[in-house]
Amino acid sequence: MNNSEVYRGFVIAWQEPPRTSAAWTANVASDDPSLNALMRIHGSMVIDGPTREEMIARSKAFIDSLLS
């Protein structure tokens, strides 16, 4: 199942991992060219976490670091 959350102009998107997987992975990106430029050459960032909540928290912390 695909899920996403919008946070400060960025989209945090992820799929629920298989039951055998121990990690959650999110893709952080933005359609806004000025926000996308903050991510430099990558244009998106992959963030992992051991739980859904930790993955989202790490993604939000990454976004906050870009905007600070």
PDB file of N, CA and C in Angstrom:
ATOM      1  N   MET A   1       0.835  -1.170   0.000  1.00  0.00           N
ATOM      2  CA  MET A   1       0.000   0.000   0.000  1.00  0.00           C
ATOM      3  C   MET A   1       0.890   1.247   0.000  1.00  0.00           C
ATOM      4  N   ASN A   2       0.620   2.184  -0.899  1.00  0.00           N
ATOM      5  CA  ASN A   2       1.366   3.434  -0.968  1.00  0.00           C
ATOM      6  C   ASN A   2       0.723   4.465  -0.051  1.00  0.00           C
ATOM      7  N   ASN A   3       1.564   5.197   0.670  1.00  0.00           N
ATOM      8  CA  ASN A   3       1.098   6.248   1.558  1.00  0.00           C
ATOM      9  C   ASN A   3       1.961   7.472   1.339  1.00  0.00           C
ATOM     10  N   SER A   4       1.422   8.634   1.698  1.00  0.00           N
ATOM     11  CA  SER A   4       2.217   9.848   1.618  1.00  0.00           C
ATOM     12  C   SER A   4       1.700  10.865   2.623  1.00  0.00           C
ATOM     13  N   GLU A   5       2.577  11.810   2.936  1.00  0.00           N
ATOM     14  CA  GLU A   5       2.246  12.897   3.848  1.00  0.00           C
ATOM     15  C   GLU A   5       2.952  14.143   3.339  1.00  0.00           C
ATOM     16  N   VAL A   6       2.244  15.264   3.307  1.00  0.00           N
ATOM     17  CA  VAL A   6       2.838  16.531   2.904  1.00  0.00           C
ATOM     18  C   VAL A   6       3.313  17.241   4.164  1.00  0.00           C
ATOM     19  N   TYR A   7       4.562  17.727   4.109  1.00  0.00           N
ATOM     20  CA  TYR A   7       5.146  18.429   5.250  1.00  0.00           C
ATOM     21  C   TYR A   7       5.993  19.583   4.737  1.00  0.00           C
ATOM     22  N   ARG A   8       5.566  20.800   5.046  1.00  0.00           N
ATOM     23  CA  ARG A   8       6.301  22.022   4.721  1.00  0.00           C
ATOM     24  C   ARG A   8       6.665  22.116   3.229  1.00  0.00           C
ATOM     25  N   GLY A   9       5.748  21.689   2.367  1.00  0.00           N
ATOM     26  CA  GLY A   9       5.959  21.780   0.931  1.00  0.00           C
ATOM     27  C   GLY A   9       6.630  20.575   0.300  1.00  0.00           C
ATOM     28  N   PHE A  10       7.054  19.632   1.107  1.00  0.00           N
ATOM     29  CA  PHE A  10       7.673  18.400   0.613  1.00  0.00           C
ATOM     30  C   PHE A  10       6.686  17.255   0.772  1.00  0.00           C
ATOM     31  N   VAL A  11       6.850  16.236  -0.042  1.00  0.00           N
ATOM     32  CA  VAL A  11       6.031  15.030   0.064  1.00  0.00           C
ATOM     33  C   VAL A  11       6.910  13.902   0.588  1.00  0.00           C
ATOM     34  N   ILE A  12       6.451  13.282   1.657  1.00  0.00           N
ATOM     35  CA  ILE A  12       7.104  12.093   2.213  1.00  0.00           C
ATOM     36  C   ILE A  12       6.254  10.918   1.746  1.00  0.00           C
ATOM     37  N   ALA A  13       6.811  10.068   0.898  1.00  0.00           N
ATOM     38  CA  ALA A  13       6.061   8.941   0.329  1.00  0.00           C
ATOM     39  C   ALA A  13       6.728   7.633   0.719  1.00  0.00           C
ATOM     40  N   TRP A  14       5.909   6.621   1.003  1.00  0.00           N
ATOM     41  CA  TRP A  14       6.446   5.319   1.385  1.00  0.00           C
ATOM     42  C   TRP A  14       5.451   4.216   1.068  1.00  0.00           C
ATOM     43  N   GLN A  15       5.973   3.016   1.025  1.00  0.00           N
ATOM     44  CA  GLN A  15       5.157   1.806   0.910  1.00  0.00           C
ATOM     45  C   GLN A  15       5.337   1.017   2.195  1.00  0.00           C
ATOM     46  N   GLU A  16       4.284   0.356   2.600  1.00  0.00           N
ATOM     47  CA  GLU A  16       4.430  -0.518   3.755  1.00  0.00           C
ATOM     48  C   GLU A  16       5.349  -1.669   3.362  1.00  0.00           C
ATOM     49  N   PRO A  17       6.350  -1.935   4.200  1.00  0.00           N
ATOM     50  CA  PRO A  17       7.295  -3.006   3.855  1.00  0.00           C
ATOM     51  C   PRO A  17       6.655  -4.375   4.030  1.00  0.00           C
ATOM     52  N   PRO A  18       7.220  -5.390   3.392  1.00  0.00           N
ATOM     53  CA  PRO A  18       6.744  -6.756   3.631  1.00  0.00           C
ATOM     54  C   PRO A  18       6.939  -7.117   5.100  1.00  0.00           C
ATOM     55  N   ARG A  19       6.173  -8.023   5.570  1.00  0.00           N
ATOM     56  CA  ARG A  19       6.262  -8.424   6.987  1.00  0.00           C
ATOM     57  C   ARG A  19       7.654  -8.925   7.370  1.00  0.00           C
ATOM     58  N   THR A  20       8.401  -9.422   6.401  1.00  0.00           N
ATOM     59  CA  THR A  20       9.736  -9.956   6.695  1.00  0.00           C
ATOM     60  C   THR A  20      10.805  -8.859   6.744  1.00  0.00           C
ATOM     61  N   SER A  21      10.445  -7.643   6.310  1.00  0.00           N
ATOM     62  CA  SER A  21      11.422  -6.549   6.298  1.00  0.00           C
ATOM     63  C   SER A  21      11.466  -5.867   7.658  1.00  0.00           C
ATOM     64  N   ALA A  22      12.649  -5.443   8.046  1.00  0.00           N
ATOM     65  CA  ALA A  22      12.805  -4.784   9.338  1.00  0.00           C
ATOM     66  C   ALA A  22      12.881  -3.274   9.202  1.00  0.00           C
ATOM     67  N   ALA A  23      12.841  -2.731   7.979  1.00  0.00           N
ATOM     68  CA  ALA A  23      13.026  -1.298   7.790  1.00  0.00           C
ATOM     69  C   ALA A  23      11.886  -0.680   6.981  1.00  0.00           C
ATOM     70  N   TRP A  24      11.615   0.567   7.284  1.00  0.00           N
ATOM     71  CA  TRP A  24      10.676   1.376   6.525  1.00  0.00           C
ATOM     72  C   TRP A  24      11.504   2.371   5.728  1.00  0.00           C
ATOM     73  N   THR A  25      11.112   2.636   4.487  1.00  0.00           N
ATOM     74  CA  THR A  25      11.859   3.547   3.623  1.00  0.00           C
ATOM     75  C   THR A  25      10.911   4.589   3.041  1.00  0.00           C
ATOM     76  N   ALA A  26      11.328   5.858   3.135  1.00  0.00           N
ATOM     77  CA  ALA A  26      10.546   6.958   2.577  1.00  0.00           C
ATOM     78  C   ALA A  26      11.351   7.668   1.506  1.00  0.00           C
ATOM     79  N   ASN A  27      10.639   8.236   0.560  1.00  0.00           N
ATOM     80  CA  ASN A  27      11.241   9.095  -0.450  1.00  0.00           C
ATOM     81  C   ASN A  27      10.727  10.508  -0.170  1.00  0.00           C
ATOM     82  N   VAL A  28      11.642  11.456   0.011  1.00  0.00           N
ATOM     83  CA  VAL A  28      11.283  12.844   0.270  1.00  0.00           C
ATOM     84  C   VAL A  28      11.595  13.656  -0.983  1.00  0.00           C
ATOM     85  N   ALA A  29      10.599  14.370  -1.507  1.00  0.00           N
ATOM     86  CA  ALA A  29      10.782  15.167  -2.719  1.00  0.00           C
ATOM     87  C   ALA A  29       9.781  16.320  -2.714  1.00  0.00           C
ATOM     88  N   SER A  30       9.942  17.231  -3.671  1.00  0.00           N
ATOM     89  CA  SER A  30       9.021  18.354  -3.804  1.00  0.00           C
ATOM     90  C   SER A  30       8.851  18.694  -5.277  1.00  0.00           C
ATOM     91  N   ASP A  31       7.647  19.141  -5.632  1.00  0.00           N
ATOM     92  CA  ASP A  31       7.389  19.620  -6.988  1.00  0.00           C
ATOM     93  C   ASP A  31       7.743  21.095  -7.131  1.00  0.00           C
ATOM     94  N   ASP A  32       7.942  21.778  -6.012  1.00  0.00           N
ATOM     95  CA  ASP A  32       8.282  23.197  -6.019  1.00  0.00           C
ATOM     96  C   ASP A  32       9.762  23.350  -6.384  1.00  0.00           C
ATOM     97  N   PRO A  33      10.084  24.017  -7.493  1.00  0.00           N
ATOM     98  CA  PRO A  33      11.481  24.137  -7.917  1.00  0.00           C
ATOM     99  C   PRO A  33      12.396  24.763  -6.861  1.00  0.00           C
ATOM    100  N   SER A  34      11.909  25.749  -6.109  1.00  0.00           N
ATOM    101  CA  SER A  34      12.765  26.380  -5.102  1.00  0.00           C
ATOM    102  C   SER A  34      13.056  25.427  -3.944  1.00  0.00           C
ATOM    103  N   LEU A  35      12.088  24.614  -3.558  1.00  0.00           N
ATOM    104  CA  LEU A  35      12.325  23.619  -2.502  1.00  0.00           C
ATOM    105  C   LEU A  35      13.180  22.472  -3.031  1.00  0.00           C
ATOM    106  N   ASN A  36      12.924  22.086  -4.259  1.00  0.00           N
ATOM    107  CA  ASN A  36      13.703  21.018  -4.884  1.00  0.00           C
ATOM    108  C   ASN A  36      15.181  21.418  -4.976  1.00  0.00           C
ATOM    109  N   ALA A  37      15.444  22.700  -5.225  1.00  0.00           N
ATOM    110  CA  ALA A  37      16.824  23.193  -5.323  1.00  0.00           C
ATOM    111  C   ALA A  37      17.565  23.053  -3.994  1.00  0.00           C
ATOM    112  N   LEU A  38      16.845  23.097  -2.876  1.00  0.00           N
ATOM    113  CA  LEU A  38      17.482  22.927  -1.564  1.00  0.00           C
ATOM    114  C   LEU A  38      18.111  21.547  -1.421  1.00  0.00           C
ATOM    115  N   MET A  39      17.589  20.600  -2.170  1.00  0.00           N
ATOM    116  CA  MET A  39      18.086  19.232  -2.081  1.00  0.00           C
ATOM    117  C   MET A  39      19.298  19.021  -2.979  1.00  0.00           C
ATOM    118  N   ARG A  40      19.705  20.089  -3.667  1.00  0.00           N
ATOM    119  CA  ARG A  40      20.868  20.116  -4.550  1.00  0.00           C
ATOM    120  C   ARG A  40      20.698  19.142  -5.709  1.00  0.00           C
ATOM    121  N   ILE A  41      21.702  18.426  -6.045  1.00  0.00           N
ATOM    122  CA  ILE A  41      21.718  17.598  -7.242  1.00  0.00           C
ATOM    123  C   ILE A  41      20.776  16.389  -7.142  1.00  0.00           C
ATOM    124  N   HIS A  42      20.501  15.927  -5.948  1.00  0.00           N
ATOM    125  CA  HIS A  42      19.719  14.701  -5.776  1.00  0.00           C
ATOM    126  C   HIS A  42      18.266  14.868  -6.214  1.00  0.00           C
ATOM    127  N   GLY A  43      17.611  15.947  -5.825  1.00  0.00           N
ATOM    128  CA  GLY A  43      16.219  16.153  -6.175  1.00  0.00           C
ATOM    129  C   GLY A  43      15.262  15.356  -5.319  1.00  0.00           C
ATOM    130  N   SER A  44      15.755  14.337  -4.647  1.00  0.00           N
ATOM    131  CA  SER A  44      14.962  13.583  -3.690  1.00  0.00           C
ATOM    132  C   SER A  44      15.929  12.892  -2.728  1.00  0.00           C
ATOM    133  N   MET A  45      15.391  12.458  -1.612  1.00  0.00           N
ATOM    134  CA  MET A  45      16.227  11.809  -0.603  1.00  0.00           C
ATOM    135  C   MET A  45      15.492  10.578  -0.091  1.00  0.00           C
ATOM    136  N   VAL A  46      16.230   9.505   0.087  1.00  0.00           N
ATOM    137  CA  VAL A  46      15.685   8.271   0.650  1.00  0.00           C
ATOM    138  C   VAL A  46      16.069   8.232   2.120  1.00  0.00           C
ATOM    139  N   ILE A  47      15.062   8.037   2.968  1.00  0.00           N
ATOM    140  CA  ILE A  47      15.268   8.016   4.418  1.00  0.00           C
ATOM    141  C   ILE A  47      14.731   6.692   4.957  1.00  0.00           C
ATOM    142  N   ASP A  48      15.530   6.017   5.772  1.00  0.00           N
ATOM    143  CA  ASP A  48      15.119   4.742   6.388  1.00  0.00           C
ATOM    144  C   ASP A  48      14.847   4.920   7.873  1.00  0.00           C
ATOM    145  N   GLY A  49      14.071   4.010   8.413  1.00  0.00           N
ATOM    146  CA  GLY A  49      13.813   3.971   9.845  1.00  0.00           C
ATOM    147  C   GLY A  49      13.325   2.591  10.243  1.00  0.00           C
ATOM    148  N   PRO A  50      13.557   2.207  11.495  1.00  0.00           N
ATOM    149  CA  PRO A  50      13.138   0.880  11.936  1.00  0.00           C
ATOM    150  C   PRO A  50      11.622   0.734  12.091  1.00  0.00           C
ATOM    151  N   THR A  51      10.932   1.862  12.285  1.00  0.00           N
ATOM    152  CA  THR A  51       9.469   1.859  12.395  1.00  0.00           C
ATOM    153  C   THR A  51       8.908   2.960  11.511  1.00  0.00           C
ATOM    154  N   ARG A  52       7.617   2.906  11.270  1.00  0.00           N
ATOM    155  CA  ARG A  52       6.962   3.940  10.466  1.00  0.00           C
ATOM    156  C   ARG A  52       7.131   5.303  11.121  1.00  0.00           C
ATOM    157  N   GLU A  53       6.913   5.373  12.415  1.00  0.00           N
ATOM    158  CA  GLU A  53       7.001   6.634  13.138  1.00  0.00           C
ATOM    159  C   GLU A  53       8.415   7.211  13.099  1.00  0.00           C
ATOM    160  N   GLU A  54       9.415   6.371  13.243  1.00  0.00           N
ATOM    161  CA  GLU A  54      10.805   6.822  13.211  1.00  0.00           C
ATOM    162  C   GLU A  54      11.185   7.288  11.802  1.00  0.00           C
ATOM    163  N   MET A  55      10.727   6.584  10.790  1.00  0.00           N
ATOM    164  CA  MET A  55      10.998   6.969   9.407  1.00  0.00           C
ATOM    165  C   MET A  55      10.387   8.342   9.110  1.00  0.00           C
ATOM    166  N   ILE A  56       9.161   8.571   9.539  1.00  0.00           N
ATOM    167  CA  ILE A  56       8.520   9.871   9.316  1.00  0.00           C
ATOM    168  C   ILE A  56       9.231  10.957  10.122  1.00  0.00           C
ATOM    169  N   ALA A  57       9.593  10.673  11.359  1.00  0.00           N
ATOM    170  CA  ALA A  57      10.309  11.654  12.186  1.00  0.00           C
ATOM    171  C   ALA A  57      11.650  12.027  11.563  1.00  0.00           C
ATOM    172  N   ARG A  58      12.390  11.051  11.061  1.00  0.00           N
ATOM    173  CA  ARG A  58      13.675  11.322  10.402  1.00  0.00           C
ATOM    174  C   ARG A  58      13.468  12.130   9.128  1.00  0.00           C
ATOM    175  N   SER A  59      12.417  11.831   8.390  1.00  0.00           N
ATOM    176  CA  SER A  59      12.120  12.569   7.167  1.00  0.00           C
ATOM    177  C   SER A  59      11.802  14.028   7.489  1.00  0.00           C
ATOM    178  N   LYS A  60      10.998  14.252   8.523  1.00  0.00           N
ATOM    179  CA  LYS A  60      10.649  15.619   8.922  1.00  0.00           C
ATOM    180  C   LYS A  60      11.872  16.365   9.441  1.00  0.00           C
ATOM    181  N   ALA A  61      12.745  15.682  10.173  1.00  0.00           N
ATOM    182  CA  ALA A  61      13.976  16.310  10.656  1.00  0.00           C
ATOM    183  C   ALA A  61      14.866  16.712   9.482  1.00  0.00           C
ATOM    184  N   PHE A  62      14.933  15.861   8.465  1.00  0.00           N
ATOM    185  CA  PHE A  62      15.709  16.192   7.269  1.00  0.00           C
ATOM    186  C   PHE A  62      15.145  17.434   6.589  1.00  0.00           C
ATOM    187  N   ILE A  63      13.824  17.499   6.437  1.00  0.00           N
ATOM    188  CA  ILE A  63      13.174  18.659   5.824  1.00  0.00           C
ATOM    189  C   ILE A  63      13.440  19.912   6.654  1.00  0.00           C
ATOM    190  N   ASP A  64      13.289  19.796   7.966  1.00  0.00           N
ATOM    191  CA  ASP A  64      13.558  20.935   8.845  1.00  0.00           C
ATOM    192  C   ASP A  64      14.990  21.430   8.692  1.00  0.00           C
ATOM    193  N   SER A  65      15.950  20.509   8.528  1.00  0.00           N
ATOM    194  CA  SER A  65      17.352  20.914   8.368  1.00  0.00           C
ATOM    195  C   SER A  65      17.565  21.658   7.045  1.00  0.00           C
ATOM    196  N   LEU A  66      16.800  21.308   6.018  1.00  0.00           N
ATOM    197  CA  LEU A  66      16.913  22.014   4.741  1.00  0.00           C
ATOM    198  C   LEU A  66      16.385  23.448   4.850  1.00  0.00           C
ATOM    199  N   LEU A  67      15.340  23.622   5.645  1.00  0.00           N
ATOM    200  CA  LEU A  67      14.663  24.915   5.724  1.00  0.00           C
ATOM    201  C   LEU A  67      15.203  25.812   6.834  1.00  0.00           C
ATOM    202  N   SER A  68      16.135  25.321   7.626  1.00  0.00           N
ATOM    203  CA  SER A  68      16.657  26.152   8.728  1.00  0.00           C
ATOM    204  C   SER A  68      17.843  26.984   8.314  1.00  0.00           C
TER     205      SER A  68
END
